N, C-alpha and C. Protein backbone atom coordinates (compact mmCIF):
# COMPACT_ATOMS: atom_id res chain seq x y z
N UNK A 1 21.33 -16.22 39.08
CA UNK A 1 20.58 -14.98 38.94
C UNK A 1 19.16 -15.19 39.45
N UNK A 2 18.61 -14.20 40.23
CA UNK A 2 17.29 -14.39 40.80
C UNK A 2 16.22 -14.50 39.73
N UNK A 3 15.15 -15.23 40.04
CA UNK A 3 14.06 -15.40 39.11
C UNK A 3 12.88 -14.55 39.55
N UNK A 4 12.18 -13.93 38.59
CA UNK A 4 11.04 -13.11 38.92
C UNK A 4 9.83 -13.99 39.20
N UNK A 5 9.06 -13.61 40.22
CA UNK A 5 7.85 -14.35 40.54
C UNK A 5 6.86 -14.18 39.40
N UNK A 6 5.85 -15.03 39.39
CA UNK A 6 4.90 -15.06 38.29
C UNK A 6 4.16 -13.77 38.07
N UNK A 7 3.88 -13.03 39.12
CA UNK A 7 3.16 -11.78 38.93
C UNK A 7 3.73 -10.72 39.86
N UNK A 8 3.68 -9.49 39.45
CA UNK A 8 4.20 -8.37 40.23
C UNK A 8 3.13 -7.89 41.18
N UNK A 9 3.53 -7.49 42.38
CA UNK A 9 2.58 -7.01 43.36
C UNK A 9 1.77 -5.84 42.81
N UNK A 10 0.45 -5.88 42.99
CA UNK A 10 -0.42 -4.86 42.42
C UNK A 10 -0.15 -3.49 43.01
N UNK A 11 0.15 -3.47 44.31
CA UNK A 11 0.44 -2.17 44.93
C UNK A 11 1.70 -1.56 44.35
N UNK A 12 2.67 -2.38 44.03
CA UNK A 12 3.89 -1.89 43.41
C UNK A 12 3.60 -1.27 42.06
N UNK A 13 2.77 -1.94 41.26
CA UNK A 13 2.43 -1.42 39.94
C UNK A 13 1.66 -0.12 40.06
N UNK A 14 0.70 -0.09 40.98
CA UNK A 14 -0.14 1.10 41.11
C UNK A 14 0.66 2.30 41.57
N UNK A 15 1.70 2.05 42.36
CA UNK A 15 2.50 3.16 42.86
C UNK A 15 3.38 3.76 41.78
N UNK A 16 3.48 3.12 40.64
CA UNK A 16 4.25 3.67 39.54
C UNK A 16 5.74 3.62 39.76
N UNK A 17 6.21 2.72 40.61
CA UNK A 17 7.64 2.65 40.87
C UNK A 17 8.21 1.38 40.26
N UNK A 18 9.51 1.35 40.15
CA UNK A 18 10.18 0.16 39.62
C UNK A 18 10.08 -0.94 40.66
N UNK A 19 9.63 -2.11 40.25
CA UNK A 19 9.32 -3.16 41.20
C UNK A 19 10.55 -3.98 41.56
N UNK A 20 10.54 -4.57 42.78
CA UNK A 20 11.65 -5.45 43.17
C UNK A 20 11.58 -6.75 42.39
N UNK A 21 12.72 -7.42 42.29
CA UNK A 21 12.79 -8.72 41.63
C UNK A 21 12.62 -9.78 42.71
N UNK A 22 11.42 -10.36 42.79
CA UNK A 22 11.12 -11.32 43.84
C UNK A 22 11.56 -12.70 43.40
N UNK A 23 12.56 -13.28 44.04
CA UNK A 23 13.11 -14.58 43.59
C UNK A 23 12.25 -15.75 44.03
N UNK A 24 12.40 -16.85 43.33
CA UNK A 24 11.70 -18.08 43.67
C UNK A 24 12.66 -19.16 44.17
N UNK A 25 13.92 -19.10 43.77
CA UNK A 25 14.89 -20.08 44.22
C UNK A 25 15.24 -19.83 45.69
N UNK A 26 15.45 -20.91 46.43
CA UNK A 26 15.65 -20.81 47.88
C UNK A 26 16.85 -19.92 48.23
N UNK A 27 17.96 -20.10 47.55
CA UNK A 27 19.16 -19.32 47.88
C UNK A 27 18.95 -17.84 47.58
N UNK A 28 18.34 -17.56 46.45
CA UNK A 28 18.08 -16.17 46.10
C UNK A 28 17.05 -15.55 47.04
N UNK A 29 16.07 -16.35 47.43
CA UNK A 29 15.07 -15.85 48.36
C UNK A 29 15.69 -15.51 49.70
N UNK A 30 16.65 -16.32 50.14
CA UNK A 30 17.35 -16.06 51.40
C UNK A 30 18.11 -14.74 51.32
N UNK A 31 18.75 -14.48 50.19
CA UNK A 31 19.47 -13.21 50.02
C UNK A 31 18.49 -12.04 49.98
N UNK A 32 17.37 -12.23 49.32
CA UNK A 32 16.33 -11.20 49.24
C UNK A 32 15.87 -10.81 50.65
N UNK A 33 15.62 -11.82 51.49
CA UNK A 33 15.17 -11.56 52.85
C UNK A 33 16.29 -10.94 53.69
N UNK A 34 17.52 -11.33 53.43
CA UNK A 34 18.67 -10.75 54.13
C UNK A 34 18.77 -9.25 53.84
N UNK A 35 18.53 -8.88 52.60
CA UNK A 35 18.56 -7.47 52.22
C UNK A 35 17.48 -6.69 52.97
N UNK A 36 16.28 -7.24 53.01
CA UNK A 36 15.17 -6.55 53.68
C UNK A 36 15.39 -6.45 55.18
N UNK A 37 15.97 -7.48 55.78
CA UNK A 37 16.27 -7.43 57.20
C UNK A 37 17.29 -6.33 57.50
N UNK A 38 18.32 -6.27 56.68
CA UNK A 38 19.34 -5.23 56.86
C UNK A 38 18.75 -3.84 56.65
N UNK A 39 17.91 -3.70 55.64
CA UNK A 39 17.29 -2.40 55.37
C UNK A 39 16.42 -1.96 56.54
N UNK A 40 15.69 -2.90 57.12
CA UNK A 40 14.85 -2.59 58.27
C UNK A 40 15.70 -2.13 59.46
N UNK A 41 16.81 -2.80 59.69
CA UNK A 41 17.71 -2.42 60.79
C UNK A 41 18.30 -1.05 60.57
N UNK A 42 18.70 -0.77 59.34
CA UNK A 42 19.32 0.52 59.02
C UNK A 42 18.32 1.65 59.15
N UNK A 43 17.10 1.42 58.68
CA UNK A 43 16.05 2.44 58.81
C UNK A 43 15.77 2.75 60.27
N UNK A 44 15.75 1.72 61.09
CA UNK A 44 15.50 1.93 62.52
C UNK A 44 16.62 2.73 63.16
N UNK A 45 17.84 2.45 62.76
CA UNK A 45 19.01 3.12 63.34
C UNK A 45 19.20 4.54 62.83
N UNK A 46 19.00 4.75 61.52
CA UNK A 46 19.37 6.02 60.90
C UNK A 46 18.19 6.88 60.48
N UNK A 47 17.02 6.29 60.34
CA UNK A 47 15.87 7.03 59.83
C UNK A 47 15.86 7.03 58.31
N UNK A 48 14.74 7.41 57.74
CA UNK A 48 14.57 7.32 56.29
C UNK A 48 15.39 8.33 55.52
N UNK A 49 15.62 9.50 56.09
CA UNK A 49 16.35 10.54 55.36
C UNK A 49 17.80 10.14 55.10
N UNK A 50 18.40 9.46 56.08
CA UNK A 50 19.82 9.10 55.96
C UNK A 50 20.03 7.73 55.33
N UNK A 51 18.97 7.01 55.08
CA UNK A 51 19.06 5.66 54.54
C UNK A 51 19.55 5.68 53.09
N UNK A 52 20.55 4.83 52.79
CA UNK A 52 21.12 4.77 51.44
C UNK A 52 21.30 3.31 51.03
N UNK A 53 21.28 3.08 49.73
CA UNK A 53 21.54 1.73 49.23
C UNK A 53 22.94 1.27 49.62
N UNK A 54 23.88 2.20 49.70
CA UNK A 54 25.25 1.85 50.09
C UNK A 54 25.29 1.30 51.51
N UNK A 55 24.34 1.70 52.36
CA UNK A 55 24.28 1.16 53.72
C UNK A 55 23.98 -0.34 53.69
N UNK A 56 23.12 -0.74 52.78
CA UNK A 56 22.79 -2.16 52.66
C UNK A 56 24.00 -2.95 52.20
N UNK A 57 24.74 -2.39 51.24
CA UNK A 57 25.95 -3.05 50.75
C UNK A 57 26.94 -3.23 51.89
N UNK A 58 27.13 -2.17 52.68
CA UNK A 58 28.08 -2.25 53.79
C UNK A 58 27.62 -3.24 54.86
N UNK A 59 26.32 -3.30 55.10
CA UNK A 59 25.79 -4.17 56.15
C UNK A 59 25.78 -5.64 55.74
N UNK A 60 25.48 -5.92 54.50
CA UNK A 60 25.30 -7.30 54.05
C UNK A 60 26.50 -7.89 53.33
N UNK A 61 27.35 -7.02 52.77
CA UNK A 61 28.45 -7.51 51.96
C UNK A 61 28.02 -7.89 50.55
N UNK A 62 26.77 -7.65 50.22
CA UNK A 62 26.26 -7.93 48.88
C UNK A 62 26.70 -6.80 47.95
N UNK A 63 27.25 -7.13 46.81
CA UNK A 63 27.75 -6.12 45.88
C UNK A 63 26.60 -5.31 45.31
N UNK A 64 26.94 -4.08 44.89
CA UNK A 64 25.92 -3.19 44.31
C UNK A 64 25.21 -3.86 43.14
N UNK A 65 25.97 -4.53 42.28
CA UNK A 65 25.37 -5.16 41.11
C UNK A 65 24.32 -6.18 41.48
N UNK A 66 24.63 -6.99 42.49
CA UNK A 66 23.68 -8.00 42.95
C UNK A 66 22.48 -7.36 43.64
N UNK A 67 22.75 -6.33 44.44
CA UNK A 67 21.66 -5.64 45.14
C UNK A 67 20.66 -5.07 44.15
N UNK A 68 21.17 -4.44 43.09
CA UNK A 68 20.28 -3.82 42.11
C UNK A 68 19.54 -4.84 41.26
N UNK A 69 20.01 -6.08 41.25
CA UNK A 69 19.24 -7.14 40.58
C UNK A 69 17.93 -7.40 41.31
N UNK A 70 17.97 -7.24 42.63
CA UNK A 70 16.77 -7.48 43.44
C UNK A 70 15.93 -6.21 43.58
N UNK A 71 16.59 -5.12 43.90
CA UNK A 71 15.89 -3.85 44.15
C UNK A 71 16.53 -2.75 43.30
N UNK A 72 15.82 -2.24 42.33
CA UNK A 72 16.41 -1.26 41.42
C UNK A 72 16.73 0.09 42.06
N UNK A 73 16.11 0.38 43.19
CA UNK A 73 16.38 1.66 43.85
C UNK A 73 15.88 1.61 45.29
N UNK A 74 16.14 2.70 45.98
CA UNK A 74 15.75 2.83 47.39
C UNK A 74 14.24 2.72 47.57
N UNK A 75 13.49 3.29 46.65
CA UNK A 75 12.03 3.25 46.75
C UNK A 75 11.50 1.83 46.71
N UNK A 76 12.14 0.97 45.91
CA UNK A 76 11.70 -0.42 45.82
C UNK A 76 11.90 -1.14 47.15
N UNK A 77 12.99 -0.85 47.84
CA UNK A 77 13.24 -1.46 49.14
C UNK A 77 12.20 -1.00 50.15
N UNK A 78 12.03 0.32 50.26
CA UNK A 78 11.10 0.87 51.24
C UNK A 78 9.66 0.47 50.91
N UNK A 79 9.33 0.46 49.63
CA UNK A 79 7.99 0.07 49.24
C UNK A 79 7.67 -1.36 49.61
N UNK A 80 8.64 -2.25 49.46
CA UNK A 80 8.44 -3.65 49.83
C UNK A 80 8.23 -3.79 51.33
N UNK A 81 9.02 -3.07 52.12
CA UNK A 81 8.86 -3.09 53.57
C UNK A 81 7.50 -2.50 53.96
N UNK A 82 7.10 -1.44 53.28
CA UNK A 82 5.81 -0.81 53.58
C UNK A 82 4.65 -1.78 53.34
N UNK A 83 4.71 -2.49 52.23
CA UNK A 83 3.64 -3.43 51.91
C UNK A 83 3.57 -4.56 52.94
N UNK A 84 4.72 -4.98 53.45
CA UNK A 84 4.72 -6.03 54.47
C UNK A 84 4.15 -5.52 55.79
N UNK A 85 4.50 -4.31 56.14
CA UNK A 85 3.94 -3.72 57.37
C UNK A 85 2.44 -3.54 57.23
N UNK A 86 2.00 -3.10 56.07
CA UNK A 86 0.57 -2.90 55.84
C UNK A 86 -0.19 -4.22 55.97
N UNK A 87 0.43 -5.29 55.51
CA UNK A 87 -0.22 -6.60 55.60
C UNK A 87 -0.44 -7.00 57.06
N UNK A 88 0.51 -6.69 57.92
CA UNK A 88 0.37 -6.98 59.35
C UNK A 88 -0.79 -6.17 59.92
N UNK A 89 -0.83 -4.89 59.57
CA UNK A 89 -1.90 -4.03 60.06
C UNK A 89 -3.27 -4.48 59.60
N UNK A 90 -3.36 -4.90 58.36
CA UNK A 90 -4.65 -5.36 57.84
C UNK A 90 -5.15 -6.59 58.57
N UNK A 91 -4.25 -7.50 58.88
CA UNK A 91 -4.64 -8.69 59.62
C UNK A 91 -5.20 -8.32 60.99
N UNK A 92 -4.56 -7.34 61.64
CA UNK A 92 -5.01 -6.90 62.96
C UNK A 92 -6.39 -6.26 62.88
N UNK A 93 -6.60 -5.41 61.88
CA UNK A 93 -7.89 -4.73 61.73
C UNK A 93 -8.99 -5.74 61.42
N UNK A 94 -8.70 -6.70 60.55
CA UNK A 94 -9.69 -7.74 60.25
C UNK A 94 -10.08 -8.50 61.50
N UNK A 95 -9.10 -8.79 62.32
CA UNK A 95 -9.37 -9.52 63.58
C UNK A 95 -10.25 -8.70 64.49
N UNK A 96 -9.93 -7.41 64.63
CA UNK A 96 -10.71 -6.55 65.53
C UNK A 96 -12.14 -6.35 65.02
N UNK A 97 -12.30 -6.19 63.73
CA UNK A 97 -13.63 -5.96 63.18
C UNK A 97 -14.47 -7.22 63.21
N UNK A 98 -13.85 -8.37 63.21
CA UNK A 98 -14.60 -9.62 63.27
C UNK A 98 -15.35 -9.74 64.59
N UNK A 99 -14.89 -9.01 65.60
CA UNK A 99 -15.54 -9.05 66.91
C UNK A 99 -16.71 -8.07 67.01
N UNK A 100 -16.93 -7.28 65.97
CA UNK A 100 -18.04 -6.33 65.97
C UNK A 100 -19.31 -7.07 65.53
N UNK A 101 -20.14 -7.43 66.48
CA UNK A 101 -21.33 -8.24 66.21
C UNK A 101 -22.59 -7.40 66.03
N UNK A 102 -22.57 -6.19 66.58
CA UNK A 102 -23.72 -5.30 66.48
C UNK A 102 -23.22 -3.86 66.41
N UNK A 103 -24.10 -2.96 65.99
CA UNK A 103 -23.68 -1.57 65.77
C UNK A 103 -23.14 -0.92 67.04
N UNK A 104 -23.66 -1.31 68.18
CA UNK A 104 -23.20 -0.73 69.44
C UNK A 104 -21.75 -1.12 69.76
N UNK A 105 -21.20 -2.07 69.00
CA UNK A 105 -19.80 -2.46 69.18
C UNK A 105 -18.84 -1.56 68.41
N UNK A 106 -19.38 -0.61 67.64
CA UNK A 106 -18.54 0.23 66.77
C UNK A 106 -17.45 0.96 67.54
N UNK A 107 -17.83 1.63 68.60
CA UNK A 107 -16.85 2.43 69.34
C UNK A 107 -15.75 1.55 69.92
N UNK A 108 -16.13 0.41 70.49
CA UNK A 108 -15.14 -0.51 71.04
C UNK A 108 -14.18 -1.01 69.97
N UNK A 109 -14.73 -1.31 68.78
CA UNK A 109 -13.89 -1.80 67.69
C UNK A 109 -12.89 -0.74 67.24
N UNK A 110 -13.35 0.50 67.10
CA UNK A 110 -12.45 1.57 66.68
C UNK A 110 -11.38 1.84 67.72
N UNK A 111 -11.74 1.76 68.99
CA UNK A 111 -10.75 1.93 70.06
C UNK A 111 -9.73 0.81 70.03
N UNK A 112 -10.20 -0.40 69.79
CA UNK A 112 -9.31 -1.56 69.73
C UNK A 112 -8.34 -1.42 68.56
N UNK A 113 -8.84 -0.96 67.42
CA UNK A 113 -7.98 -0.75 66.25
C UNK A 113 -6.93 0.32 66.55
N UNK A 114 -7.35 1.40 67.19
CA UNK A 114 -6.42 2.48 67.54
C UNK A 114 -5.32 1.97 68.45
N UNK A 115 -5.69 1.26 69.50
CA UNK A 115 -4.70 0.72 70.44
C UNK A 115 -3.79 -0.29 69.75
N UNK A 116 -4.38 -1.11 68.88
CA UNK A 116 -3.58 -2.12 68.19
C UNK A 116 -2.55 -1.50 67.27
N UNK A 117 -2.95 -0.47 66.56
CA UNK A 117 -2.01 0.21 65.67
C UNK A 117 -0.90 0.89 66.46
N UNK A 118 -1.25 1.52 67.54
CA UNK A 118 -0.23 2.19 68.35
C UNK A 118 0.76 1.17 68.90
N UNK A 119 0.25 0.04 69.40
CA UNK A 119 1.13 -1.00 69.94
C UNK A 119 2.04 -1.55 68.85
N UNK A 120 1.50 -1.70 67.65
CA UNK A 120 2.30 -2.23 66.54
C UNK A 120 3.45 -1.28 66.19
N UNK A 121 3.17 0.02 66.18
CA UNK A 121 4.22 1.00 65.91
C UNK A 121 5.26 1.01 67.03
N UNK A 122 4.80 0.83 68.28
CA UNK A 122 5.73 0.81 69.40
C UNK A 122 6.64 -0.43 69.35
N UNK A 123 6.07 -1.56 68.96
CA UNK A 123 6.85 -2.80 68.93
C UNK A 123 7.77 -2.87 67.72
N UNK A 124 7.43 -2.16 66.67
CA UNK A 124 8.22 -2.18 65.44
C UNK A 124 8.55 -0.73 65.04
N UNK A 125 9.55 -0.12 65.67
CA UNK A 125 9.88 1.28 65.40
C UNK A 125 10.15 1.58 63.93
N UNK A 126 10.60 0.57 63.18
CA UNK A 126 10.90 0.80 61.77
C UNK A 126 9.65 1.24 61.00
N UNK A 127 8.46 0.88 61.49
CA UNK A 127 7.24 1.23 60.79
C UNK A 127 7.05 2.73 60.68
N UNK A 128 7.46 3.45 61.73
CA UNK A 128 7.33 4.91 61.69
C UNK A 128 8.26 5.50 60.64
N UNK A 129 9.46 4.97 60.54
CA UNK A 129 10.41 5.45 59.54
C UNK A 129 9.94 5.11 58.13
N UNK A 130 9.35 3.93 57.98
CA UNK A 130 8.82 3.55 56.67
C UNK A 130 7.70 4.49 56.26
N UNK A 131 6.81 4.78 57.20
CA UNK A 131 5.71 5.70 56.90
C UNK A 131 6.24 7.08 56.52
N UNK A 132 7.23 7.58 57.25
CA UNK A 132 7.82 8.87 56.91
C UNK A 132 8.40 8.86 55.50
N UNK A 133 9.03 7.75 55.14
CA UNK A 133 9.62 7.63 53.81
C UNK A 133 8.55 7.62 52.72
N UNK A 134 7.45 6.93 52.97
CA UNK A 134 6.39 6.89 51.95
C UNK A 134 5.76 8.26 51.76
N UNK A 135 5.71 9.05 52.82
CA UNK A 135 5.13 10.38 52.71
C UNK A 135 6.07 11.35 51.99
N UNK A 136 7.36 11.09 52.08
CA UNK A 136 8.35 11.98 51.46
C UNK A 136 8.58 11.65 49.99
N UNK A 137 8.14 10.49 49.55
CA UNK A 137 8.39 10.03 48.18
C UNK A 137 7.06 9.91 47.45
N UNK A 138 6.84 10.74 46.46
CA UNK A 138 5.55 10.76 45.77
C UNK A 138 5.24 9.43 45.10
N UNK A 139 6.28 8.69 44.70
CA UNK A 139 6.05 7.41 44.06
C UNK A 139 5.58 6.34 45.06
N UNK A 140 5.77 6.62 46.35
CA UNK A 140 5.37 5.66 47.38
C UNK A 140 4.10 6.06 48.11
N UNK A 141 3.66 7.28 47.96
CA UNK A 141 2.47 7.75 48.66
C UNK A 141 1.25 6.92 48.32
N UNK A 142 1.21 6.41 47.09
CA UNK A 142 0.08 5.62 46.66
C UNK A 142 -0.08 4.35 47.50
N UNK A 143 1.03 3.80 47.98
CA UNK A 143 0.95 2.61 48.84
C UNK A 143 0.17 2.93 50.10
N UNK A 144 0.46 4.08 50.71
CA UNK A 144 -0.24 4.48 51.92
C UNK A 144 -1.70 4.77 51.62
N UNK A 145 -1.97 5.44 50.51
CA UNK A 145 -3.35 5.75 50.13
C UNK A 145 -4.15 4.46 49.92
N UNK A 146 -3.53 3.49 49.27
CA UNK A 146 -4.23 2.23 49.01
C UNK A 146 -4.48 1.45 50.30
N UNK A 147 -3.57 1.58 51.25
CA UNK A 147 -3.76 0.89 52.52
C UNK A 147 -4.95 1.48 53.27
N UNK A 148 -5.04 2.80 53.31
CA UNK A 148 -6.18 3.46 53.96
C UNK A 148 -7.48 3.03 53.28
N UNK A 149 -7.47 2.99 51.95
CA UNK A 149 -8.67 2.58 51.21
C UNK A 149 -9.05 1.14 51.54
N UNK A 150 -8.05 0.28 51.66
CA UNK A 150 -8.32 -1.13 51.98
C UNK A 150 -8.92 -1.25 53.38
N UNK A 151 -8.33 -0.56 54.35
CA UNK A 151 -8.83 -0.61 55.72
C UNK A 151 -10.23 -0.02 55.81
N UNK A 152 -10.46 1.05 55.06
CA UNK A 152 -11.80 1.65 55.03
C UNK A 152 -12.81 0.66 54.46
N UNK A 153 -12.39 -0.11 53.47
CA UNK A 153 -13.26 -1.13 52.90
C UNK A 153 -13.62 -2.20 53.92
N UNK A 154 -12.63 -2.58 54.75
CA UNK A 154 -12.90 -3.56 55.80
C UNK A 154 -13.94 -3.03 56.79
N UNK A 155 -13.78 -1.76 57.18
CA UNK A 155 -14.71 -1.16 58.12
C UNK A 155 -16.10 -1.01 57.49
N UNK A 156 -16.14 -0.58 56.24
CA UNK A 156 -17.43 -0.44 55.54
C UNK A 156 -18.16 -1.78 55.49
N UNK A 157 -17.44 -2.84 55.15
CA UNK A 157 -18.07 -4.16 55.06
C UNK A 157 -18.60 -4.60 56.43
N UNK A 158 -17.83 -4.32 57.48
CA UNK A 158 -18.27 -4.68 58.82
C UNK A 158 -19.51 -3.89 59.22
N UNK A 159 -19.55 -2.62 58.85
CA UNK A 159 -20.73 -1.79 59.15
C UNK A 159 -21.95 -2.26 58.37
N UNK A 160 -21.75 -2.62 57.13
CA UNK A 160 -22.86 -3.13 56.34
C UNK A 160 -23.43 -4.40 56.94
N UNK A 161 -22.57 -5.17 57.58
CA UNK A 161 -23.00 -6.43 58.20
C UNK A 161 -23.91 -6.16 59.40
N UNK A 162 -23.58 -5.12 60.19
CA UNK A 162 -24.35 -4.86 61.41
C UNK A 162 -25.41 -3.77 61.22
N UNK A 163 -25.32 -3.03 60.11
CA UNK A 163 -26.30 -1.98 59.82
C UNK A 163 -26.69 -2.06 58.34
N UNK A 164 -27.35 -3.14 57.94
CA UNK A 164 -27.63 -3.37 56.52
C UNK A 164 -28.54 -2.34 55.86
N UNK A 165 -29.29 -1.57 56.66
CA UNK A 165 -30.20 -0.58 56.08
C UNK A 165 -29.54 0.78 55.85
N UNK A 166 -28.34 0.95 56.35
CA UNK A 166 -27.64 2.22 56.18
C UNK A 166 -27.24 2.39 54.72
N UNK A 167 -27.33 3.62 54.18
CA UNK A 167 -26.97 3.85 52.77
C UNK A 167 -25.50 3.57 52.50
N UNK A 168 -25.22 2.80 51.46
CA UNK A 168 -23.86 2.38 51.16
C UNK A 168 -22.90 3.54 50.94
N UNK A 169 -23.28 4.58 50.16
CA UNK A 169 -22.33 5.69 49.95
C UNK A 169 -21.94 6.38 51.26
N UNK A 170 -22.91 6.53 52.16
CA UNK A 170 -22.62 7.17 53.44
C UNK A 170 -21.70 6.30 54.28
N UNK A 171 -21.91 4.99 54.26
CA UNK A 171 -21.03 4.09 55.00
C UNK A 171 -19.61 4.14 54.46
N UNK A 172 -19.48 4.21 53.14
CA UNK A 172 -18.16 4.28 52.51
C UNK A 172 -17.42 5.53 52.96
N UNK A 173 -18.11 6.67 52.93
CA UNK A 173 -17.49 7.94 53.34
C UNK A 173 -17.14 7.92 54.83
N UNK A 174 -18.07 7.40 55.64
CA UNK A 174 -17.84 7.33 57.08
C UNK A 174 -16.62 6.46 57.40
N UNK A 175 -16.56 5.28 56.75
CA UNK A 175 -15.47 4.34 57.02
C UNK A 175 -14.13 4.93 56.63
N UNK A 176 -14.08 5.60 55.49
CA UNK A 176 -12.80 6.19 55.05
C UNK A 176 -12.35 7.28 56.01
N UNK A 177 -13.26 8.14 56.40
CA UNK A 177 -12.90 9.21 57.32
C UNK A 177 -12.44 8.65 58.66
N UNK A 178 -13.12 7.63 59.15
CA UNK A 178 -12.75 7.04 60.43
C UNK A 178 -11.34 6.46 60.39
N UNK A 179 -11.00 5.74 59.31
CA UNK A 179 -9.68 5.13 59.22
C UNK A 179 -8.59 6.17 59.01
N UNK A 180 -8.90 7.23 58.28
CA UNK A 180 -7.93 8.32 58.13
C UNK A 180 -7.63 8.95 59.48
N UNK A 181 -8.67 9.16 60.28
CA UNK A 181 -8.49 9.77 61.59
C UNK A 181 -7.70 8.87 62.53
N UNK A 182 -7.99 7.59 62.51
CA UNK A 182 -7.25 6.65 63.36
C UNK A 182 -5.77 6.64 62.98
N UNK A 183 -5.49 6.55 61.68
CA UNK A 183 -4.10 6.52 61.23
C UNK A 183 -3.37 7.80 61.62
N UNK A 184 -4.03 8.95 61.43
CA UNK A 184 -3.39 10.23 61.75
C UNK A 184 -3.12 10.35 63.25
N UNK A 185 -4.06 9.91 64.07
CA UNK A 185 -3.89 10.00 65.52
C UNK A 185 -2.73 9.13 66.00
N UNK A 186 -2.66 7.91 65.48
CA UNK A 186 -1.60 6.99 65.90
C UNK A 186 -0.24 7.50 65.45
N UNK A 187 -0.15 8.01 64.25
CA UNK A 187 1.14 8.49 63.74
C UNK A 187 1.58 9.76 64.46
N UNK A 188 0.64 10.53 64.94
CA UNK A 188 1.00 11.68 65.77
C UNK A 188 1.46 11.19 67.15
N UNK A 189 0.75 10.23 67.69
CA UNK A 189 1.07 9.73 69.04
C UNK A 189 2.44 9.09 69.10
N UNK A 190 2.82 8.39 68.06
CA UNK A 190 4.07 7.64 68.10
C UNK A 190 5.28 8.56 68.19
N UNK A 191 5.11 9.82 67.84
CA UNK A 191 6.21 10.77 67.91
C UNK A 191 6.30 11.42 69.30
N UNK A 192 5.36 11.11 70.19
CA UNK A 192 5.32 11.70 71.52
C UNK A 192 5.92 10.76 72.56
N UNK A 193 6.32 11.27 73.71
CA UNK A 193 6.72 10.38 74.81
C UNK A 193 5.54 9.47 75.17
N UNK A 194 5.81 8.24 75.59
CA UNK A 194 4.73 7.27 75.82
C UNK A 194 3.58 7.76 76.68
N UNK A 195 3.87 8.41 77.80
CA UNK A 195 2.79 8.86 78.69
C UNK A 195 1.92 9.91 78.00
N UNK A 196 2.56 10.84 77.32
CA UNK A 196 1.81 11.86 76.59
C UNK A 196 1.02 11.26 75.44
N UNK A 197 1.62 10.29 74.78
CA UNK A 197 0.93 9.61 73.68
C UNK A 197 -0.33 8.92 74.17
N UNK A 198 -0.25 8.26 75.31
CA UNK A 198 -1.40 7.57 75.87
C UNK A 198 -2.51 8.55 76.24
N UNK A 199 -2.15 9.68 76.80
CA UNK A 199 -3.15 10.68 77.15
C UNK A 199 -3.84 11.20 75.89
N UNK A 200 -3.06 11.46 74.86
CA UNK A 200 -3.62 11.95 73.63
C UNK A 200 -4.55 10.92 72.99
N UNK A 201 -4.13 9.66 72.97
CA UNK A 201 -4.95 8.62 72.37
C UNK A 201 -6.22 8.37 73.19
N UNK A 202 -6.13 8.48 74.51
CA UNK A 202 -7.33 8.33 75.34
C UNK A 202 -8.35 9.41 75.00
N UNK A 203 -7.87 10.64 74.82
CA UNK A 203 -8.75 11.74 74.42
C UNK A 203 -9.34 11.46 73.04
N UNK A 204 -8.49 11.01 72.12
CA UNK A 204 -8.97 10.73 70.76
C UNK A 204 -10.04 9.65 70.78
N UNK A 205 -9.85 8.60 71.56
CA UNK A 205 -10.82 7.51 71.58
C UNK A 205 -12.16 7.97 72.15
N UNK A 206 -12.13 8.93 73.08
CA UNK A 206 -13.40 9.46 73.60
C UNK A 206 -14.16 10.23 72.52
N UNK A 207 -13.43 10.71 71.51
CA UNK A 207 -14.04 11.47 70.43
C UNK A 207 -14.57 10.58 69.30
N UNK A 208 -14.19 9.32 69.29
CA UNK A 208 -14.62 8.41 68.23
C UNK A 208 -16.12 8.18 68.30
N UNK A 209 -16.77 8.01 67.15
CA UNK A 209 -18.23 7.83 67.12
C UNK A 209 -18.66 6.52 67.78
N UNK A 210 -19.84 6.58 68.39
CA UNK A 210 -20.39 5.39 69.04
C UNK A 210 -21.51 4.76 68.21
N UNK A 211 -21.95 5.48 67.20
CA UNK A 211 -23.01 4.95 66.33
C UNK A 211 -22.90 5.65 64.99
N UNK A 212 -23.94 5.53 64.16
CA UNK A 212 -23.93 6.13 62.83
C UNK A 212 -24.88 7.33 62.74
N UNK A 213 -25.12 7.97 63.90
CA UNK A 213 -26.05 9.11 63.89
C UNK A 213 -25.54 10.25 63.03
N UNK A 214 -24.23 10.32 62.82
CA UNK A 214 -23.67 11.40 62.01
C UNK A 214 -24.09 11.28 60.54
N UNK A 215 -24.57 10.09 60.16
CA UNK A 215 -24.98 9.90 58.77
C UNK A 215 -26.33 10.54 58.47
N UNK A 216 -27.03 10.93 59.53
CA UNK A 216 -28.31 11.59 59.34
C UNK A 216 -29.46 10.61 59.21
């Protein structure tokens, strides 16, 4: 029987959903990862609306009873995948913001983040289906909200580093709005044909702020 890890993921708790049973034993961990791999493949093939726990059983051969020992419901599976995708995105944003050495680098950094997110969605189509699922499930929406807040915090900290005299509340509001806009633009673009998506994102990037003059 799988063993629960020492602590439950904070995002899982905050989302108010039943948490997955994260195993520590090697064999159980391998099965846990097998389930997530199958779920990712099924989501990519069928989309979030048609995704069912029974699909995982059929794909993996793991019995329902064993599956539910790891993941109590569909939300737990999708939520776990969402958190993993968010972790990849956060690493990319941290990398891009680390290159922002002065305030005049702001526009370039935001453009780089936009392009990076779009490329990530293109390379991992399952991410779009996961995002759609989190938006359709109220118990999972909090995961997306927390990710935006985390990314906004990264941008705020980077701005404070290059513009230490700017008022903190204004930087917080600016950073959150900027990350919301980037996320919305990329998620709109990913649903378009590639050429049209690129044109739209090029227009969006020209609209991104080049400084903090909007703060007054």
